[in-house]
């Protein structure tokens, strides 16, 4: 199994990101974000060269979240658009193919310059 290390720097934050966080969701995009989705997206400068898998970790400003499921389309959109929806509700039914599901935990504060990383143990 290959080593995964992806580091993203937050370069813009949509005005409605906090509302999405209240729903347990975080939507990431690189600079290809469509104009109509900018308000709900955390925009980053990173590139996904390797796929993320169940068991990997997402780290936001030093706080670790275990990935429990990766939807069938999530890695495709991550590699092409730096985009996926991240669900922090600890779901056990995985019906959204573009979504990455994580353990249930509160999403920490995200600011310009925040770091979001993905690691494989």
Protein backbone atom coordinates (compact mmCIF):
# COMPACT_ATOMS: atom_id res chain seq x y z
CA UNK A 1 0.00 0.00 0.00
CA UNK A 2 1.37 3.38 -0.95
CA UNK A 3 2.01 6.18 1.48
CA UNK A 4 -0.51 9.01 1.30
CA UNK A 5 0.45 12.56 2.14
CA UNK A 6 -1.62 15.43 0.78
CA UNK A 7 -1.40 18.92 2.25
CA UNK A 8 -3.89 21.61 1.26
CA UNK A 9 -3.66 25.29 2.12
CA UNK A 10 -6.94 27.16 2.43
CA UNK A 11 -6.91 30.14 0.06
CA UNK A 12 -10.56 31.23 0.22
CA UNK A 13 -13.63 30.50 2.34
CA UNK A 14 -17.20 30.94 1.12
CA UNK A 15 -19.50 33.07 3.21
CA UNK A 16 -21.86 30.12 3.88
CA UNK A 17 -19.22 27.59 4.96
CA UNK A 18 -20.24 27.98 8.62
CA UNK A 19 -23.82 27.02 7.71
CA UNK A 20 -22.54 23.87 6.00
CA UNK A 21 -20.39 23.05 9.03
CA UNK A 22 -23.51 23.24 11.24
CA UNK A 23 -24.91 20.42 9.05
CA UNK A 24 -21.72 18.41 9.56
CA UNK A 25 -20.50 19.04 6.02
CA UNK A 26 -17.35 20.53 4.55
CA UNK A 27 -17.13 21.08 0.80
CA UNK A 28 -13.64 21.36 -0.69
CA UNK A 29 -12.74 22.68 -4.14
CA UNK A 30 -9.55 23.85 -5.78
CA UNK A 31 -9.56 27.04 -7.85
CA UNK A 32 -11.87 25.42 -10.45
CA UNK A 33 -14.85 25.98 -8.13
CA UNK A 34 -17.95 27.03 -10.09
CA UNK A 35 -19.11 30.55 -9.26
CA UNK A 36 -22.47 29.31 -7.92
CA UNK A 37 -20.74 27.02 -5.39
CA UNK A 38 -18.13 29.48 -4.08
CA UNK A 39 -20.29 30.58 -1.16
CA UNK A 40 -20.41 27.06 0.36
CA UNK A 41 -16.86 25.94 -0.45
CA UNK A 42 -13.49 25.89 1.24
CA UNK A 43 -11.10 26.62 -1.62
CA UNK A 44 -7.59 25.18 -1.49
CA UNK A 45 -4.38 25.08 -3.53
CA UNK A 46 -3.66 21.35 -3.24
CA UNK A 47 -3.45 18.50 -5.74
CA UNK A 48 -4.63 14.92 -5.14
CA UNK A 49 -2.20 12.57 -6.86
CA UNK A 50 -3.19 9.48 -4.86
CA UNK A 51 -6.58 8.14 -3.88
CA UNK A 52 -7.82 8.38 -0.33
CA UNK A 53 -9.29 5.22 1.21
CA UNK A 54 -11.20 4.13 4.30
CA UNK A 55 -8.89 4.20 7.29
CA UNK A 56 -6.94 7.25 6.10
CA UNK A 57 -6.93 10.35 8.25
CA UNK A 58 -8.05 13.89 7.49
CA UNK A 59 -6.29 16.47 9.64
CA UNK A 60 -7.65 20.00 9.98
CA UNK A 61 -5.38 22.41 11.85
CA UNK A 62 -3.89 19.50 13.80
CA UNK A 63 -7.20 17.78 14.67
CA UNK A 64 -7.49 14.24 13.29
CA UNK A 65 -10.59 12.64 11.77
CA UNK A 66 -10.75 8.98 10.69
CA UNK A 67 -12.19 8.38 7.21
CA UNK A 68 -14.79 5.60 7.40
CA UNK A 69 -15.93 5.49 3.76
CA UNK A 70 -15.01 7.04 0.41
CA UNK A 71 -17.82 7.32 -2.15
CA UNK A 72 -17.30 5.76 -5.58
CA UNK A 73 -16.85 9.13 -7.36
CA UNK A 74 -15.02 11.06 -4.62
CA UNK A 75 -11.46 10.24 -5.72
CA UNK A 76 -12.29 11.07 -9.33
CA UNK A 77 -13.58 14.53 -8.44
CA UNK A 78 -10.74 15.09 -5.96
CA UNK A 79 -8.12 14.42 -8.65
CA UNK A 80 -9.90 16.52 -11.30
CA UNK A 81 -11.36 19.41 -9.30
CA UNK A 82 -9.90 19.06 -5.82
CA UNK A 83 -13.56 18.58 -4.88
CA UNK A 84 -15.52 16.36 -2.55
CA UNK A 85 -18.08 16.75 0.17
CA UNK A 86 -16.86 15.62 3.58
CA UNK A 87 -19.55 14.37 5.96
CA UNK A 88 -18.56 14.51 9.66
CA UNK A 89 -21.75 12.88 11.00
CA UNK A 90 -20.45 9.30 11.46
CA UNK A 91 -22.97 8.00 8.93
CA UNK A 92 -23.37 4.25 8.44
CA UNK A 93 -25.27 4.43 5.14
CA UNK A 94 -23.17 5.66 2.24
CA UNK A 95 -25.53 6.79 -0.50
CA UNK A 96 -23.68 9.81 -1.95
CA UNK A 97 -20.96 8.74 -4.43
CA UNK A 98 -19.07 12.07 -4.26
CA UNK A 99 -18.91 12.13 -0.48
CA UNK A 100 -16.18 11.14 1.97
CA UNK A 101 -17.64 9.99 5.29
CA UNK A 102 -15.76 10.60 8.53
CA UNK A 103 -16.20 9.82 12.19
CA UNK A 104 -18.66 12.04 14.06
CA UNK A 105 -16.80 15.04 15.41
CA UNK A 106 -17.24 18.78 15.33
CA UNK A 107 -15.46 20.47 12.44
CA UNK A 108 -12.82 22.90 13.74
CA UNK A 109 -12.59 26.55 12.75
CA UNK A 110 -11.11 27.03 9.30
CA UNK A 111 -9.42 30.28 8.31
CA UNK A 112 -7.37 31.57 5.39
CA UNK A 113 -4.03 29.79 5.63
CA UNK A 114 -5.45 26.82 7.55
CA UNK A 115 -3.96 23.46 6.61
CA UNK A 116 -6.01 20.40 5.69
CA UNK A 117 -4.01 17.20 5.29
CA UNK A 118 -4.67 13.58 4.42
CA UNK A 119 -2.44 10.83 5.76
CA UNK A 120 -2.27 7.06 5.61
CA UNK A 121 -0.94 5.24 8.64
